[in-house]
């Protein structure tokens, strides 16, 4: 099974930039779900991840499965943290936590890409 890591990175980046602009401009932001538990209002990343990857996770070696599950966790953690951001009065510490979850997600996606190329 082929996984387009660039798609996931791009979708996450678009979401992050939209959130950042909403905070900077104090504009309403339509938070999306990661799609693990809720199947509506899902982000593009989550829609494809839960349609293409998770139903086929058993096709991957154990080490790859572990990374995929970590990606799932950080992706959902990112959304849960992002939903707590008060656009009108953002907490700087919370924004740092959002960024940290995002960075971990990027690292895991790049690790998965490397694993799949080997």
PDB file of N, CA and C in Angstrom:
ATOM      1  N   UNK A   1       0.836  -1.192   0.000  1.00  0.00           N
ATOM      2  CA  UNK A   1       0.000   0.000   0.000  1.00  0.00           C
ATOM      3  C   UNK A   1       0.874   1.247   0.000  1.00  0.00           C
ATOM      4  N   UNK A   2       0.569   2.185  -0.859  1.00  0.00           N
ATOM      5  CA  UNK A   2       1.329   3.434  -0.952  1.00  0.00           C
ATOM      6  C   UNK A   2       0.667   4.491  -0.071  1.00  0.00           C
ATOM      7  N   UNK A   3       1.493   5.174   0.699  1.00  0.00           N
ATOM      8  CA  UNK A   3       1.017   6.267   1.546  1.00  0.00           C
ATOM      9  C   UNK A   3       1.689   7.552   1.062  1.00  0.00           C
ATOM     10  N   UNK A   4       0.888   8.535   0.708  1.00  0.00           N
ATOM     11  CA  UNK A   4       1.401   9.816   0.235  1.00  0.00           C
ATOM     12  C   UNK A   4       1.645  10.734   1.439  1.00  0.00           C
ATOM     13  N   UNK A   5       2.840  10.652   1.973  1.00  0.00           N
ATOM     14  CA  UNK A   5       3.203  11.440   3.161  1.00  0.00           C
ATOM     15  C   UNK A   5       3.068  12.934   2.878  1.00  0.00           C
ATOM     16  N   UNK A   6       3.402  13.349   1.667  1.00  0.00           N
ATOM     17  CA  UNK A   6       3.305  14.775   1.326  1.00  0.00           C
ATOM     18  C   UNK A   6       1.874  15.298   1.454  1.00  0.00           C
ATOM     19  N   UNK A   7       0.901  14.457   1.131  1.00  0.00           N
ATOM     20  CA  UNK A   7      -0.498  14.857   1.302  1.00  0.00           C
ATOM     21  C   UNK A   7      -0.778  15.187   2.766  1.00  0.00           C
ATOM     22  N   UNK A   8      -0.360  14.304   3.662  1.00  0.00           N
ATOM     23  CA  UNK A   8      -0.629  14.499   5.090  1.00  0.00           C
ATOM     24  C   UNK A   8       0.093  15.729   5.629  1.00  0.00           C
ATOM     25  N   UNK A   9       1.338  15.912   5.220  1.00  0.00           N
ATOM     26  CA  UNK A   9       2.090  17.089   5.660  1.00  0.00           C
ATOM     27  C   UNK A   9       1.417  18.357   5.145  1.00  0.00           C
ATOM     28  N   UNK A  10       1.029  18.362   3.887  1.00  0.00           N
ATOM     29  CA  UNK A  10       0.395  19.547   3.294  1.00  0.00           C
ATOM     30  C   UNK A  10      -0.935  19.867   3.975  1.00  0.00           C
ATOM     31  N   UNK A  11      -1.759  18.857   4.219  1.00  0.00           N
ATOM     32  CA  UNK A  11      -3.054  19.094   4.852  1.00  0.00           C
ATOM     33  C   UNK A  11      -2.881  19.621   6.273  1.00  0.00           C
ATOM     34  N   UNK A  12      -1.912  19.066   6.992  1.00  0.00           N
ATOM     35  CA  UNK A  12      -1.658  19.535   8.352  1.00  0.00           C
ATOM     36  C   UNK A  12      -1.159  20.978   8.317  1.00  0.00           C
ATOM     37  N   UNK A  13      -0.278  21.278   7.391  1.00  0.00           N
ATOM     38  CA  UNK A  13       0.274  22.631   7.280  1.00  0.00           C
ATOM     39  C   UNK A  13      -0.824  23.651   6.957  1.00  0.00           C
ATOM     40  N   UNK A  14      -1.718  23.306   6.057  1.00  0.00           N
ATOM     41  CA  UNK A  14      -2.829  24.204   5.708  1.00  0.00           C
ATOM     42  C   UNK A  14      -3.685  24.477   6.946  1.00  0.00           C
ATOM     43  N   UNK A  15      -3.999  23.437   7.695  1.00  0.00           N
ATOM     44  CA  UNK A  15      -4.828  23.596   8.893  1.00  0.00           C
ATOM     45  C   UNK A  15      -4.127  24.501   9.910  1.00  0.00           C
ATOM     46  N   UNK A  16      -2.838  24.236  10.131  1.00  0.00           N
ATOM     47  CA  UNK A  16      -2.064  25.034  11.081  1.00  0.00           C
ATOM     48  C   UNK A  16      -2.025  26.499  10.672  1.00  0.00           C
ATOM     49  N   UNK A  17      -1.809  26.761   9.387  1.00  0.00           N
ATOM     50  CA  UNK A  17      -1.739  28.147   8.910  1.00  0.00           C
ATOM     51  C   UNK A  17      -3.079  28.850   9.044  1.00  0.00           C
ATOM     52  N   UNK A  18      -4.173  28.133   8.792  1.00  0.00           N
ATOM     53  CA  UNK A  18      -5.503  28.724   8.958  1.00  0.00           C
ATOM     54  C   UNK A  18      -5.749  29.086  10.428  1.00  0.00           C
ATOM     55  N   UNK A  19      -5.338  28.202  11.331  1.00  0.00           N
ATOM     56  CA  UNK A  19      -5.484  28.476  12.765  1.00  0.00           C
ATOM     57  C   UNK A  19      -4.640  29.686  13.166  1.00  0.00           C
ATOM     58  N   UNK A  20      -3.413  29.732  12.697  1.00  0.00           N
ATOM     59  CA  UNK A  20      -2.512  30.845  13.030  1.00  0.00           C
ATOM     60  C   UNK A  20      -3.089  32.176  12.538  1.00  0.00           C
ATOM     61  N   UNK A  21      -3.605  32.187  11.311  1.00  0.00           N
ATOM     62  CA  UNK A  21      -4.208  33.408  10.773  1.00  0.00           C
ATOM     63  C   UNK A  21      -5.436  33.829  11.573  1.00  0.00           C
ATOM     64  N   UNK A  22      -6.229  32.862  11.989  1.00  0.00           N
ATOM     65  CA  UNK A  22      -7.411  33.170  12.796  1.00  0.00           C
ATOM     66  C   UNK A  22      -7.000  33.826  14.107  1.00  0.00           C
ATOM     67  N   UNK A  23      -5.946  33.314  14.740  1.00  0.00           N
ATOM     68  CA  UNK A  23      -5.454  33.893  15.993  1.00  0.00           C
ATOM     69  C   UNK A  23      -4.912  35.298  15.744  1.00  0.00           C
ATOM     70  N   UNK A  24      -4.080  35.436  14.712  1.00  0.00           N
ATOM     71  CA  UNK A  24      -3.479  36.746  14.423  1.00  0.00           C
ATOM     72  C   UNK A  24      -4.529  37.801  14.100  1.00  0.00           C
ATOM     73  N   UNK A  25      -5.566  37.406  13.373  1.00  0.00           N
ATOM     74  CA  UNK A  25      -6.598  38.356  12.939  1.00  0.00           C
ATOM     75  C   UNK A  25      -7.830  38.372  13.838  1.00  0.00           C
ATOM     76  N   UNK A  26      -7.776  37.541  14.893  1.00  0.00           N
ATOM     77  CA  UNK A  26      -8.901  37.427  15.836  1.00  0.00           C
ATOM     78  C   UNK A  26     -10.215  37.161  15.087  1.00  0.00           C
ATOM     79  N   UNK A  27     -10.128  36.189  14.178  1.00  0.00           N
ATOM     80  CA  UNK A  27     -11.286  35.796  13.376  1.00  0.00           C
ATOM     81  C   UNK A  27     -11.760  34.418  13.800  1.00  0.00           C
ATOM     82  N   UNK A  28     -13.030  34.174  13.608  1.00  0.00           N
ATOM     83  CA  UNK A  28     -13.601  32.867  13.946  1.00  0.00           C
ATOM     84  C   UNK A  28     -12.865  31.760  13.191  1.00  0.00           C
ATOM     85  N   UNK A  29     -12.756  30.623  13.836  1.00  0.00           N
ATOM     86  CA  UNK A  29     -12.087  29.473  13.229  1.00  0.00           C
ATOM     87  C   UNK A  29     -12.967  28.250  13.386  1.00  0.00           C
ATOM     88  N   UNK A  30     -13.181  27.554  12.294  1.00  0.00           N
ATOM     89  CA  UNK A  30     -13.998  26.343  12.306  1.00  0.00           C
ATOM     90  C   UNK A  30     -13.093  25.150  12.619  1.00  0.00           C
ATOM     91  N   UNK A  31     -13.000  24.812  13.896  1.00  0.00           N
ATOM     92  CA  UNK A  31     -12.169  23.682  14.300  1.00  0.00           C
ATOM     93  C   UNK A  31     -12.729  22.392  13.719  1.00  0.00           C
ATOM     94  N   UNK A  32     -11.839  21.511  13.317  1.00  0.00           N
ATOM     95  CA  UNK A  32     -12.221  20.215  12.770  1.00  0.00           C
ATOM     96  C   UNK A  32     -11.809  19.124  13.755  1.00  0.00           C
ATOM     97  N   UNK A  33     -12.377  17.958  13.554  1.00  0.00           N
ATOM     98  CA  UNK A  33     -12.049  16.789  14.370  1.00  0.00           C
ATOM     99  C   UNK A  33     -10.953  15.978  13.686  1.00  0.00           C
ATOM    100  N   UNK A  34     -10.229  15.188  14.470  1.00  0.00           N
ATOM    101  CA  UNK A  34      -9.204  14.319  13.885  1.00  0.00           C
ATOM    102  C   UNK A  34      -9.823  13.085  13.246  1.00  0.00           C
ATOM    103  N   UNK A  35     -11.033  12.745  13.631  1.00  0.00           N
ATOM    104  CA  UNK A  35     -11.836  11.649  13.057  1.00  0.00           C
ATOM    105  C   UNK A  35     -11.670  10.309  13.755  1.00  0.00           C
ATOM    106  N   UNK A  36     -10.918  10.214  14.813  1.00  0.00           N
ATOM    107  CA  UNK A  36     -10.765   8.931  15.505  1.00  0.00           C
ATOM    108  C   UNK A  36     -12.103   8.446  16.040  1.00  0.00           C
ATOM    109  N   UNK A  37     -12.773   9.302  16.786  1.00  0.00           N
ATOM    110  CA  UNK A  37     -14.022   8.913  17.444  1.00  0.00           C
ATOM    111  C   UNK A  37     -15.253   9.545  16.794  1.00  0.00           C
ATOM    112  N   UNK A  38     -15.059  10.699  16.193  1.00  0.00           N
ATOM    113  CA  UNK A  38     -16.163  11.445  15.594  1.00  0.00           C
ATOM    114  C   UNK A  38     -15.992  11.404  14.082  1.00  0.00           C
ATOM    115  N   UNK A  39     -17.036  11.039  13.373  1.00  0.00           N
ATOM    116  CA  UNK A  39     -16.910  10.874  11.929  1.00  0.00           C
ATOM    117  C   UNK A  39     -17.463  12.049  11.133  1.00  0.00           C
ATOM    118  N   UNK A  40     -17.890  13.106  11.821  1.00  0.00           N
ATOM    119  CA  UNK A  40     -18.333  14.287  11.096  1.00  0.00           C
ATOM    120  C   UNK A  40     -17.424  15.457  11.445  1.00  0.00           C
ATOM    121  N   UNK A  41     -17.434  16.464  10.600  1.00  0.00           N
ATOM    122  CA  UNK A  41     -16.581  17.638  10.772  1.00  0.00           C
ATOM    123  C   UNK A  41     -15.104  17.259  10.850  1.00  0.00           C
ATOM    124  N   UNK A  42     -14.703  16.313  10.034  1.00  0.00           N
ATOM    125  CA  UNK A  42     -13.326  15.810  10.036  1.00  0.00           C
ATOM    126  C   UNK A  42     -12.415  16.660   9.160  1.00  0.00           C
ATOM    127  N   UNK A  43     -11.171  16.753   9.566  1.00  0.00           N
ATOM    128  CA  UNK A  43     -10.180  17.425   8.737  1.00  0.00           C
ATOM    129  C   UNK A  43      -9.826  16.519   7.554  1.00  0.00           C
ATOM    130  N   UNK A  44      -9.239  17.116   6.520  1.00  0.00           N
ATOM    131  CA  UNK A  44      -8.879  16.353   5.313  1.00  0.00           C
ATOM    132  C   UNK A  44      -7.871  15.255   5.642  1.00  0.00           C
ATOM    133  N   UNK A  45      -6.908  15.546   6.496  1.00  0.00           N
ATOM    134  CA  UNK A  45      -5.914  14.563   6.928  1.00  0.00           C
ATOM    135  C   UNK A  45      -6.631  13.353   7.508  1.00  0.00           C
ATOM    136  N   UNK A  46      -7.508  13.594   8.471  1.00  0.00           N
ATOM    137  CA  UNK A  46      -8.219  12.515   9.151  1.00  0.00           C
ATOM    138  C   UNK A  46      -9.121  11.717   8.228  1.00  0.00           C
ATOM    139  N   UNK A  47      -9.797  12.406   7.315  1.00  0.00           N
ATOM    140  CA  UNK A  47     -10.676  11.707   6.381  1.00  0.00           C
ATOM    141  C   UNK A  47      -9.917  10.651   5.598  1.00  0.00           C
ATOM    142  N   UNK A  48      -8.764  11.026   5.057  1.00  0.00           N
ATOM    143  CA  UNK A  48      -7.983  10.092   4.240  1.00  0.00           C
ATOM    144  C   UNK A  48      -7.276   9.059   5.117  1.00  0.00           C
ATOM    145  N   UNK A  49      -6.762   9.484   6.256  1.00  0.00           N
ATOM    146  CA  UNK A  49      -6.066   8.583   7.175  1.00  0.00           C
ATOM    147  C   UNK A  49      -6.983   7.434   7.614  1.00  0.00           C
ATOM    148  N   UNK A  50      -8.221   7.778   7.987  1.00  0.00           N
ATOM    149  CA  UNK A  50      -9.152   6.754   8.463  1.00  0.00           C
ATOM    150  C   UNK A  50      -9.837   5.989   7.336  1.00  0.00           C
ATOM    151  N   UNK A  51      -9.761   6.501   6.146  1.00  0.00           N
ATOM    152  CA  UNK A  51     -10.314   5.780   4.999  1.00  0.00           C
ATOM    153  C   UNK A  51      -9.286   4.821   4.392  1.00  0.00           C
ATOM    154  N   UNK A  52      -8.034   5.288   4.300  1.00  0.00           N
ATOM    155  CA  UNK A  52      -7.019   4.529   3.569  1.00  0.00           C
ATOM    156  C   UNK A  52      -6.031   3.750   4.430  1.00  0.00           C
ATOM    157  N   UNK A  53      -5.590   4.344   5.521  1.00  0.00           N
ATOM    158  CA  UNK A  53      -4.511   3.722   6.306  1.00  0.00           C
ATOM    159  C   UNK A  53      -5.035   2.820   7.418  1.00  0.00           C
ATOM    160  N   UNK A  54      -5.867   3.357   8.285  1.00  0.00           N
ATOM    161  CA  UNK A  54      -6.279   2.581   9.462  1.00  0.00           C
ATOM    162  C   UNK A  54      -6.994   1.265   9.124  1.00  0.00           C
ATOM    163  N   UNK A  55      -7.847   1.216   8.105  1.00  0.00           N
ATOM    164  CA  UNK A  55      -8.484  -0.079   7.789  1.00  0.00           C
ATOM    165  C   UNK A  55      -7.473  -1.126   7.295  1.00  0.00           C
ATOM    166  N   UNK A  56      -6.297  -0.673   6.873  1.00  0.00           N
ATOM    167  CA  UNK A  56      -5.280  -1.568   6.312  1.00  0.00           C
ATOM    168  C   UNK A  56      -4.044  -1.693   7.194  1.00  0.00           C
ATOM    169  N   UNK A  57      -4.146  -1.256   8.433  1.00  0.00           N
ATOM    170  CA  UNK A  57      -2.964  -1.200   9.299  1.00  0.00           C
ATOM    171  C   UNK A  57      -2.309  -2.569   9.494  1.00  0.00           C
ATOM    172  N   UNK A  58      -3.087  -3.638   9.466  1.00  0.00           N
ATOM    173  CA  UNK A  58      -2.518  -4.976   9.681  1.00  0.00           C
ATOM    174  C   UNK A  58      -1.660  -5.461   8.515  1.00  0.00           C
ATOM    175  N   UNK A  59      -1.655  -4.741   7.428  1.00  0.00           N
ATOM    176  CA  UNK A  59      -0.807  -5.100   6.284  1.00  0.00           C
ATOM    177  C   UNK A  59       0.642  -4.654   6.485  1.00  0.00           C
ATOM    178  N   UNK A  60       0.883  -3.839   7.503  1.00  0.00           N
ATOM    179  CA  UNK A  60       2.207  -3.279   7.724  1.00  0.00           C
ATOM    180  C   UNK A  60       2.981  -4.070   8.772  1.00  0.00           C
ATOM    181  N   UNK A  61       4.312  -4.031   8.681  1.00  0.00           N
ATOM    182  CA  UNK A  61       5.137  -4.642   9.729  1.00  0.00           C
ATOM    183  C   UNK A  61       4.887  -3.941  11.073  1.00  0.00           C
ATOM    184  N   UNK A  62       5.179  -4.630  12.159  1.00  0.00           N
ATOM    185  CA  UNK A  62       4.907  -4.118  13.506  1.00  0.00           C
ATOM    186  C   UNK A  62       5.516  -2.736  13.750  1.00  0.00           C
ATOM    187  N   UNK A  63       6.744  -2.545  13.338  1.00  0.00           N
ATOM    188  CA  UNK A  63       7.418  -1.260  13.567  1.00  0.00           C
ATOM    189  C   UNK A  63       6.686  -0.122  12.851  1.00  0.00           C
ATOM    190  N   UNK A  64       6.230  -0.372  11.644  1.00  0.00           N
ATOM    191  CA  UNK A  64       5.475   0.625  10.882  1.00  0.00           C
ATOM    192  C   UNK A  64       4.124   0.874  11.546  1.00  0.00           C
ATOM    193  N   UNK A  65       3.477  -0.188  11.995  1.00  0.00           N
ATOM    194  CA  UNK A  65       2.190  -0.042  12.693  1.00  0.00           C
ATOM    195  C   UNK A  65       2.324   0.860  13.916  1.00  0.00           C
ATOM    196  N   UNK A  66       3.406   0.672  14.665  1.00  0.00           N
ATOM    197  CA  UNK A  66       3.620   1.491  15.864  1.00  0.00           C
ATOM    198  C   UNK A  66       3.717   2.979  15.493  1.00  0.00           C
ATOM    199  N   UNK A  67       4.438   3.268  14.424  1.00  0.00           N
ATOM    200  CA  UNK A  67       4.581   4.663  14.001  1.00  0.00           C
ATOM    201  C   UNK A  67       3.232   5.216  13.529  1.00  0.00           C
ATOM    202  N   UNK A  68       2.480   4.430  12.798  1.00  0.00           N
ATOM    203  CA  UNK A  68       1.152   4.862  12.345  1.00  0.00           C
ATOM    204  C   UNK A  68       0.256   5.178  13.543  1.00  0.00           C
ATOM    205  N   UNK A  69       0.305   4.351  14.571  1.00  0.00           N
ATOM    206  CA  UNK A  69      -0.507   4.596  15.764  1.00  0.00           C
ATOM    207  C   UNK A  69      -0.042   5.841  16.519  1.00  0.00           C
ATOM    208  N   UNK A  70       1.254   6.101  16.503  1.00  0.00           N
ATOM    209  CA  UNK A  70       1.771   7.328  17.115  1.00  0.00           C
ATOM    210  C   UNK A  70       1.310   8.539  16.318  1.00  0.00           C
ATOM    211  N   UNK A  71       1.305   8.420  15.002  1.00  0.00           N
ATOM    212  CA  UNK A  71       0.805   9.503  14.151  1.00  0.00           C
ATOM    213  C   UNK A  71      -0.651   9.785  14.502  1.00  0.00           C
ATOM    214  N   UNK A  72      -1.419   8.735  14.623  1.00  0.00           N
ATOM    215  CA  UNK A  72      -2.830   8.893  14.996  1.00  0.00           C
ATOM    216  C   UNK A  72      -2.939   9.649  16.318  1.00  0.00           C
ATOM    217  N   UNK A  73      -2.154   9.251  17.314  1.00  0.00           N
ATOM    218  CA  UNK A  73      -2.218   9.894  18.629  1.00  0.00           C
ATOM    219  C   UNK A  73      -1.852  11.375  18.568  1.00  0.00           C
ATOM    220  N   UNK A  74      -0.746  11.704  17.904  1.00  0.00           N
ATOM    221  CA  UNK A  74      -0.324  13.105  17.846  1.00  0.00           C
ATOM    222  C   UNK A  74      -1.271  13.939  16.995  1.00  0.00           C
ATOM    223  N   UNK A  75      -1.813  13.345  15.939  1.00  0.00           N
ATOM    224  CA  UNK A  75      -2.772  14.066  15.115  1.00  0.00           C
ATOM    225  C   UNK A  75      -4.000  14.441  15.951  1.00  0.00           C
ATOM    226  N   UNK A  76      -4.520  13.491  16.697  1.00  0.00           N
ATOM    227  CA  UNK A  76      -5.688  13.765  17.539  1.00  0.00           C
ATOM    228  C   UNK A  76      -5.342  14.696  18.697  1.00  0.00           C
ATOM    229  N   UNK A  77      -4.159  14.535  19.266  1.00  0.00           N
ATOM    230  CA  UNK A  77      -3.720  15.437  20.338  1.00  0.00           C
ATOM    231  C   UNK A  77      -3.643  16.869  19.812  1.00  0.00           C
ATOM    232  N   UNK A  78      -3.103  17.041  18.613  1.00  0.00           N
ATOM    233  CA  UNK A  78      -3.028  18.361  18.003  1.00  0.00           C
ATOM    234  C   UNK A  78      -4.424  18.991  17.924  1.00  0.00           C
ATOM    235  N   UNK A  79      -5.399  18.240  17.420  1.00  0.00           N
ATOM    236  CA  UNK A  79      -6.753  18.783  17.282  1.00  0.00           C
ATOM    237  C   UNK A  79      -7.382  19.102  18.633  1.00  0.00           C
ATOM    238  N   UNK A  80      -7.183  18.240  19.615  1.00  0.00           N
ATOM    239  CA  UNK A  80      -7.756  18.490  20.937  1.00  0.00           C
ATOM    240  C   UNK A  80      -7.172  19.761  21.551  1.00  0.00           C
ATOM    241  N   UNK A  81      -5.880  19.951  21.391  1.00  0.00           N
ATOM    242  CA  UNK A  81      -5.242  21.172  21.908  1.00  0.00           C
ATOM    243  C   UNK A  81      -5.713  22.394  21.124  1.00  0.00           C
ATOM    244  N   UNK A  82      -5.751  22.268  19.799  1.00  0.00           N
ATOM    245  CA  UNK A  82      -6.151  23.402  18.955  1.00  0.00           C
ATOM    246  C   UNK A  82      -7.566  23.862  19.282  1.00  0.00           C
ATOM    247  N   UNK A  83      -8.455  22.918  19.609  1.00  0.00           N
ATOM    248  CA  UNK A  83      -9.844  23.281  19.937  1.00  0.00           C
ATOM    249  C   UNK A  83      -9.926  24.120  21.215  1.00  0.00           C
ATOM    250  N   UNK A  84      -8.917  24.043  22.058  1.00  0.00           N
ATOM    251  CA  UNK A  84      -8.912  24.801  23.311  1.00  0.00           C
ATOM    252  C   UNK A  84      -8.433  26.243  23.123  1.00  0.00           C
ATOM    253  N   UNK A  85      -7.867  26.540  21.968  1.00  0.00           N
ATOM    254  CA  UNK A  85      -7.330  27.883  21.726  1.00  0.00           C
ATOM    255  C   UNK A  85      -8.470  28.890  21.634  1.00  0.00           C
ATOM    256  N   UNK A  86      -8.397  29.900  22.488  1.00  0.00           N
ATOM    257  CA  UNK A  86      -9.345  31.007  22.448  1.00  0.00           C
ATOM    258  C   UNK A  86      -8.804  32.001  21.420  1.00  0.00           C
ATOM    259  N   UNK A  87      -9.476  32.066  20.287  1.00  0.00           N
ATOM    260  CA  UNK A  87      -8.997  32.899  19.183  1.00  0.00           C
ATOM    261  C   UNK A  87      -8.862  34.366  19.591  1.00  0.00           C
ATOM    262  N   UNK A  88      -9.769  34.853  20.413  1.00  0.00           N
ATOM    263  CA  UNK A  88      -9.742  36.258  20.821  1.00  0.00           C
ATOM    264  C   UNK A  88      -8.713  36.560  21.894  1.00  0.00           C
ATOM    265  N   UNK A  89      -8.380  35.548  22.690  1.00  0.00           N
ATOM    266  CA  UNK A  89      -7.427  35.745  23.785  1.00  0.00           C
ATOM    267  C   UNK A  89      -6.587  34.474  23.945  1.00  0.00           C
ATOM    268  N   UNK A  90      -5.704  34.206  22.984  1.00  0.00           N
ATOM    269  CA  UNK A  90      -4.960  32.944  23.003  1.00  0.00           C
ATOM    270  C   UNK A  90      -3.935  32.875  24.136  1.00  0.00           C
ATOM    271  N   UNK A  91      -3.857  31.709  24.735  1.00  0.00           N
ATOM    272  CA  UNK A  91      -2.887  31.415  25.788  1.00  0.00           C
ATOM    273  C   UNK A  91      -1.579  30.991  25.117  1.00  0.00           C
ATOM    274  N   UNK A  92      -0.520  31.709  25.403  1.00  0.00           N
ATOM    275  CA  UNK A  92       0.772  31.439  24.753  1.00  0.00           C
ATOM    276  C   UNK A  92       1.293  30.033  25.066  1.00  0.00           C
ATOM    277  N   UNK A  93       1.089  29.579  26.291  1.00  0.00           N
ATOM    278  CA  UNK A  93       1.537  28.232  26.654  1.00  0.00           C
ATOM    279  C   UNK A  93       0.768  27.166  25.877  1.00  0.00           C
ATOM    280  N   UNK A  94      -0.526  27.381  25.718  1.00  0.00           N
ATOM    281  CA  UNK A  94      -1.331  26.446  24.939  1.00  0.00           C
ATOM    282  C   UNK A  94      -0.881  26.447  23.481  1.00  0.00           C
ATOM    283  N   UNK A  95      -0.587  27.609  22.926  1.00  0.00           N
ATOM    284  CA  UNK A  95      -0.098  27.680  21.541  1.00  0.00           C
ATOM    285  C   UNK A  95       1.224  26.923  21.391  1.00  0.00           C
ATOM    286  N   UNK A  96       2.054  26.986  22.421  1.00  0.00           N
ATOM    287  CA  UNK A  96       3.317  26.225  22.389  1.00  0.00           C
ATOM    288  C   UNK A  96       3.042  24.726  22.399  1.00  0.00           C
ATOM    289  N   UNK A  97       2.055  24.300  23.168  1.00  0.00           N
ATOM    290  CA  UNK A  97       1.684  22.875  23.201  1.00  0.00           C
ATOM    291  C   UNK A  97       1.130  22.418  21.851  1.00  0.00           C
ATOM    292  N   UNK A  98       0.340  23.266  21.219  1.00  0.00           N
ATOM    293  CA  UNK A  98      -0.178  22.960  19.878  1.00  0.00           C
ATOM    294  C   UNK A  98       0.986  22.791  18.913  1.00  0.00           C
ATOM    295  N   UNK A  99       1.937  23.706  18.983  1.00  0.00           N
ATOM    296  CA  UNK A  99       3.103  23.653  18.087  1.00  0.00           C
ATOM    297  C   UNK A  99       3.957  22.417  18.371  1.00  0.00           C
ATOM    298  N   UNK A 100       4.098  22.059  19.629  1.00  0.00           N
ATOM    299  CA  UNK A 100       4.879  20.873  19.995  1.00  0.00           C
ATOM    300  C   UNK A 100       4.228  19.604  19.428  1.00  0.00           C
ATOM    301  N   UNK A 101       2.923  19.480  19.561  1.00  0.00           N
ATOM    302  CA  UNK A 101       2.208  18.318  19.018  1.00  0.00           C
ATOM    303  C   UNK A 101       2.359  18.285  17.498  1.00  0.00           C
ATOM    304  N   UNK A 102       2.286  19.441  16.887  1.00  0.00           N
ATOM    305  CA  UNK A 102       2.434  19.543  15.442  1.00  0.00           C
ATOM    306  C   UNK A 102       3.831  19.091  15.006  1.00  0.00           C
ATOM    307  N   UNK A 103       4.847  19.536  15.718  1.00  0.00           N
ATOM    308  CA  UNK A 103       6.226  19.170  15.399  1.00  0.00           C
ATOM    309  C   UNK A 103       6.434  17.658  15.531  1.00  0.00           C
ATOM    310  N   UNK A 104       5.891  17.078  16.585  1.00  0.00           N
ATOM    311  CA  UNK A 104       6.001  15.628  16.769  1.00  0.00           C
ATOM    312  C   UNK A 104       5.304  14.888  15.627  1.00  0.00           C
ATOM    313  N   UNK A 105       4.178  15.405  15.197  1.00  0.00           N
ATOM    314  CA  UNK A 105       3.453  14.800  14.079  1.00  0.00           C
ATOM    315  C   UNK A 105       4.301  14.842  12.814  1.00  0.00           C
ATOM    316  N   UNK A 106       4.919  15.983  12.537  1.00  0.00           N
ATOM    317  CA  UNK A 106       5.806  16.086  11.365  1.00  0.00           C
ATOM    318  C   UNK A 106       6.941  15.068  11.449  1.00  0.00           C
ATOM    319  N   UNK A 107       7.570  14.977  12.612  1.00  0.00           N
ATOM    320  CA  UNK A 107       8.693  14.037  12.775  1.00  0.00           C
ATOM    321  C   UNK A 107       8.246  12.604  12.509  1.00  0.00           C
ATOM    322  N   UNK A 108       7.086  12.244  13.016  1.00  0.00           N
ATOM    323  CA  UNK A 108       6.580  10.883  12.815  1.00  0.00           C
ATOM    324  C   UNK A 108       6.239  10.622  11.358  1.00  0.00           C
ATOM    325  N   UNK A 109       5.659  11.602  10.701  1.00  0.00           N
ATOM    326  CA  UNK A 109       5.342  11.433   9.278  1.00  0.00           C
ATOM    327  C   UNK A 109       6.624  11.229   8.466  1.00  0.00           C
ATOM    328  N   UNK A 110       7.646  11.989   8.788  1.00  0.00           N
ATOM    329  CA  UNK A 110       8.919  11.833   8.072  1.00  0.00           C
ATOM    330  C   UNK A 110       9.582  10.500   8.401  1.00  0.00           C
ATOM    331  N   UNK A 111       9.446  10.043   9.654  1.00  0.00           N
ATOM    332  CA  UNK A 111       9.985   8.722  10.008  1.00  0.00           C
ATOM    333  C   UNK A 111       9.245   7.634   9.232  1.00  0.00           C
ATOM    334  N   UNK A 112       7.929   7.759   9.139  1.00  0.00           N
ATOM    335  CA  UNK A 112       7.148   6.774   8.380  1.00  0.00           C
ATOM    336  C   UNK A 112       7.559   6.771   6.922  1.00  0.00           C
ATOM    337  N   UNK A 113       7.744   7.937   6.363  1.00  0.00           N
ATOM    338  CA  UNK A 113       8.166   8.026   4.962  1.00  0.00           C
ATOM    339  C   UNK A 113       9.490   7.300   4.746  1.00  0.00           C
ATOM    340  N   UNK A 114      10.424   7.512   5.649  1.00  0.00           N
ATOM    341  CA  UNK A 114      11.732   6.851   5.555  1.00  0.00           C
ATOM    342  C   UNK A 114      11.583   5.339   5.682  1.00  0.00           C
ATOM    343  N   UNK A 115      10.743   4.892   6.610  1.00  0.00           N
ATOM    344  CA  UNK A 115      10.527   3.462   6.817  1.00  0.00           C
ATOM    345  C   UNK A 115       9.909   2.813   5.565  1.00  0.00           C
ATOM    346  N   UNK A 116       8.992   3.517   4.942  1.00  0.00           N
ATOM    347  CA  UNK A 116       8.305   2.954   3.778  1.00  0.00           C
ATOM    348  C   UNK A 116       9.198   2.900   2.542  1.00  0.00           C
ATOM    349  N   UNK A 117      10.221   3.757   2.514  1.00  0.00           N
ATOM    350  CA  UNK A 117      11.166   3.752   1.389  1.00  0.00           C
ATOM    351  C   UNK A 117      12.206   2.642   1.525  1.00  0.00           C
ATOM    352  N   UNK A 118      12.413   2.169   2.748  1.00  0.00           N
ATOM    353  CA  UNK A 118      13.457   1.146   2.980  1.00  0.00           C
ATOM    354  C   UNK A 118      13.014  -0.210   2.468  1.00  0.00           C
TER     355      UNK A 118
END
